[in-house]
Amino acid sequence: MTEATPRRTDEHNLRQAISEVLEQIYAIEYSMGLFYRKGNDRDLARASDDLHDMRVAVDRLGAIIAAADDAADPRSKVAETVG
């Protein structure tokens, strides 16, 4: 039985979140390039949508990092047992 350890799962989630951010950055860059070449408002709207998606991905990445920081901080574990 090969069950993923919490550390491997966390690492996978972190890598996936970083990949999502990078993909969105590429999508924004591509849409903006099309907009500058063609001047098409549809491409600008697509870039705006990609920017929104990137912000969601960045928020998700921030939540994963914050959760990892909380889990690694020994003071948070003490506060949980005392509180």
C-alpha atoms as a PDB file:
ATOM      1  CA  MET A   1       0.000   0.000   0.000  1.00  0.00           C
ATOM      2  CA  THR A   2       1.639   3.190  -1.151  1.00  0.00           C
ATOM      3  CA  GLU A   3      -0.050   5.978   0.673  1.00  0.00           C
ATOM      4  CA  ALA A   4       1.228   9.532   0.261  1.00  0.00           C
ATOM      5  CA  THR A   5       2.767  11.009   3.369  1.00  0.00           C
ATOM      6  CA  PRO A   6       1.537  14.433   4.507  1.00  0.00           C
ATOM      7  CA  ARG A   7       4.882  15.970   3.538  1.00  0.00           C
ATOM      8  CA  ARG A   8       4.696  14.568  -0.006  1.00  0.00           C
ATOM      9  CA  THR A   9       1.098  15.711  -0.312  1.00  0.00           C
ATOM     10  CA  ASP A  10       2.047  19.204   0.874  1.00  0.00           C
ATOM     11  CA  GLU A  11       4.953  19.307  -1.557  1.00  0.00           C
ATOM     12  CA  HIS A  12       2.703  18.205  -4.412  1.00  0.00           C
ATOM     13  CA  ASN A  13       0.098  20.845  -3.529  1.00  0.00           C
ATOM     14  CA  LEU A  14       2.776  23.537  -3.362  1.00  0.00           C
ATOM     15  CA  ARG A  15       4.254  22.543  -6.726  1.00  0.00           C
ATOM     16  CA  GLN A  16       0.797  22.468  -8.269  1.00  0.00           C
ATOM     17  CA  ALA A  17      -0.050  25.926  -6.899  1.00  0.00           C
ATOM     18  CA  ILE A  18       3.228  27.370  -8.204  1.00  0.00           C
ATOM     19  CA  SER A  19       2.570  25.822 -11.610  1.00  0.00           C
ATOM     20  CA  GLU A  20      -0.887  27.418 -11.697  1.00  0.00           C
ATOM     21  CA  VAL A  21       0.583  30.849 -10.962  1.00  0.00           C
ATOM     22  CA  LEU A  22       3.218  30.424 -13.670  1.00  0.00           C
ATOM     23  CA  GLU A  23       0.615  29.260 -16.200  1.00  0.00           C
ATOM     24  CA  GLN A  24      -1.525  32.300 -15.483  1.00  0.00           C
ATOM     25  CA  ILE A  25       1.453  34.627 -15.857  1.00  0.00           C
ATOM     26  CA  TYR A  26       2.170  33.068 -19.240  1.00  0.00           C
ATOM     27  CA  ALA A  27      -1.501  33.429 -20.254  1.00  0.00           C
ATOM     28  CA  ILE A  28      -1.490  37.118 -19.291  1.00  0.00           C
ATOM     29  CA  GLU A  29       1.737  37.707 -21.202  1.00  0.00           C
ATOM     30  CA  TYR A  30       0.333  35.946 -24.269  1.00  0.00           C
ATOM     31  CA  SER A  31      -2.973  37.848 -24.197  1.00  0.00           C
ATOM     32  CA  MET A  32      -1.229  41.184 -23.720  1.00  0.00           C
ATOM     33  CA  GLY A  33       1.088  40.382 -26.632  1.00  0.00           C
ATOM     34  CA  LEU A  34      -1.937  39.712 -28.840  1.00  0.00           C
ATOM     35  CA  PHE A  35      -3.557  42.928 -27.657  1.00  0.00           C
ATOM     36  CA  TYR A  36      -0.483  45.018 -28.436  1.00  0.00           C
ATOM     37  CA  ARG A  37      -0.120  43.459 -31.898  1.00  0.00           C
ATOM     38  CA  LYS A  38      -3.796  43.526 -32.911  1.00  0.00           C
ATOM     39  CA  GLY A  39      -5.335  46.167 -30.656  1.00  0.00           C
ATOM     40  CA  ASN A  40      -8.327  43.879 -30.164  1.00  0.00           C
ATOM     41  CA  ASP A  41     -10.389  44.620 -27.034  1.00  0.00           C
ATOM     42  CA  ARG A  42     -11.260  40.928 -26.760  1.00  0.00           C
ATOM     43  CA  ASP A  43      -7.585  40.132 -26.139  1.00  0.00           C
ATOM     44  CA  LEU A  44      -7.439  42.808 -23.453  1.00  0.00           C
ATOM     45  CA  ALA A  45     -10.533  41.312 -21.806  1.00  0.00           C
ATOM     46  CA  ARG A  46      -8.907  37.879 -21.942  1.00  0.00           C
ATOM     47  CA  ALA A  47      -5.782  39.289 -20.264  1.00  0.00           C
ATOM     48  CA  SER A  48      -7.981  40.817 -17.565  1.00  0.00           C
ATOM     49  CA  ASP A  49      -9.669  37.463 -16.963  1.00  0.00           C
ATOM     50  CA  ASP A  50      -6.263  35.785 -16.820  1.00  0.00           C
ATOM     51  CA  LEU A  51      -5.139  38.368 -14.269  1.00  0.00           C
ATOM     52  CA  HIS A  52      -8.134  37.549 -12.083  1.00  0.00           C
ATOM     53  CA  ASP A  53      -7.354  33.820 -12.368  1.00  0.00           C
ATOM     54  CA  MET A  54      -3.737  34.512 -11.444  1.00  0.00           C
ATOM     55  CA  ARG A  55      -4.814  36.422  -8.333  1.00  0.00           C
ATOM     56  CA  VAL A  56      -6.909  33.430  -7.260  1.00  0.00           C
ATOM     57  CA  ALA A  57      -3.916  31.145  -7.831  1.00  0.00           C
ATOM     58  CA  VAL A  58      -1.635  33.493  -5.847  1.00  0.00           C
ATOM     59  CA  ASP A  59      -4.136  33.551  -2.972  1.00  0.00           C
ATOM     60  CA  ARG A  60      -4.221  29.741  -2.994  1.00  0.00           C
ATOM     61  CA  LEU A  61      -0.414  29.612  -2.975  1.00  0.00           C
ATOM     62  CA  GLY A  62      -0.353  32.081  -0.067  1.00  0.00           C
ATOM     63  CA  ALA A  63      -2.798  29.925   1.894  1.00  0.00           C
ATOM     64  CA  ILE A  64      -0.667  26.827   1.345  1.00  0.00           C
ATOM     65  CA  ILE A  65       2.479  28.649   2.477  1.00  0.00           C
ATOM     66  CA  ALA A  66       0.708  30.126   5.518  1.00  0.00           C
ATOM     67  CA  ALA A  67      -0.584  26.694   6.520  1.00  0.00           C
ATOM     68  CA  ALA A  68       2.918  25.243   6.192  1.00  0.00           C
ATOM     69  CA  ASP A  69       4.349  28.098   8.261  1.00  0.00           C
ATOM     70  CA  ASP A  70       1.734  27.528  10.965  1.00  0.00           C
ATOM     71  CA  ALA A  71       2.455  23.808  11.028  1.00  0.00           C
ATOM     72  CA  ALA A  72       6.212  24.404  11.249  1.00  0.00           C
ATOM     73  CA  ASP A  73       5.983  27.076  13.970  1.00  0.00           C
ATOM     74  CA  PRO A  74       6.473  25.371  17.363  1.00  0.00           C
ATOM     75  CA  ARG A  75       4.867  28.337  19.128  1.00  0.00           C
ATOM     76  CA  SER A  76       1.562  27.636  17.360  1.00  0.00           C
ATOM     77  CA  LYS A  77       1.608  24.059  18.660  1.00  0.00           C
ATOM     78  CA  VAL A  78       2.226  25.290  22.215  1.00  0.00           C
ATOM     79  CA  ALA A  79      -0.605  27.794  21.912  1.00  0.00           C
ATOM     80  CA  GLU A  80      -2.957  25.048  20.736  1.00  0.00           C
ATOM     81  CA  THR A  81      -2.163  22.814  23.710  1.00  0.00           C
ATOM     82  CA  VAL A  82      -2.345  25.645  26.239  1.00  0.00           C
ATOM     83  CA  GLY A  83      -5.400  27.431  24.756  1.00  0.00           C
END
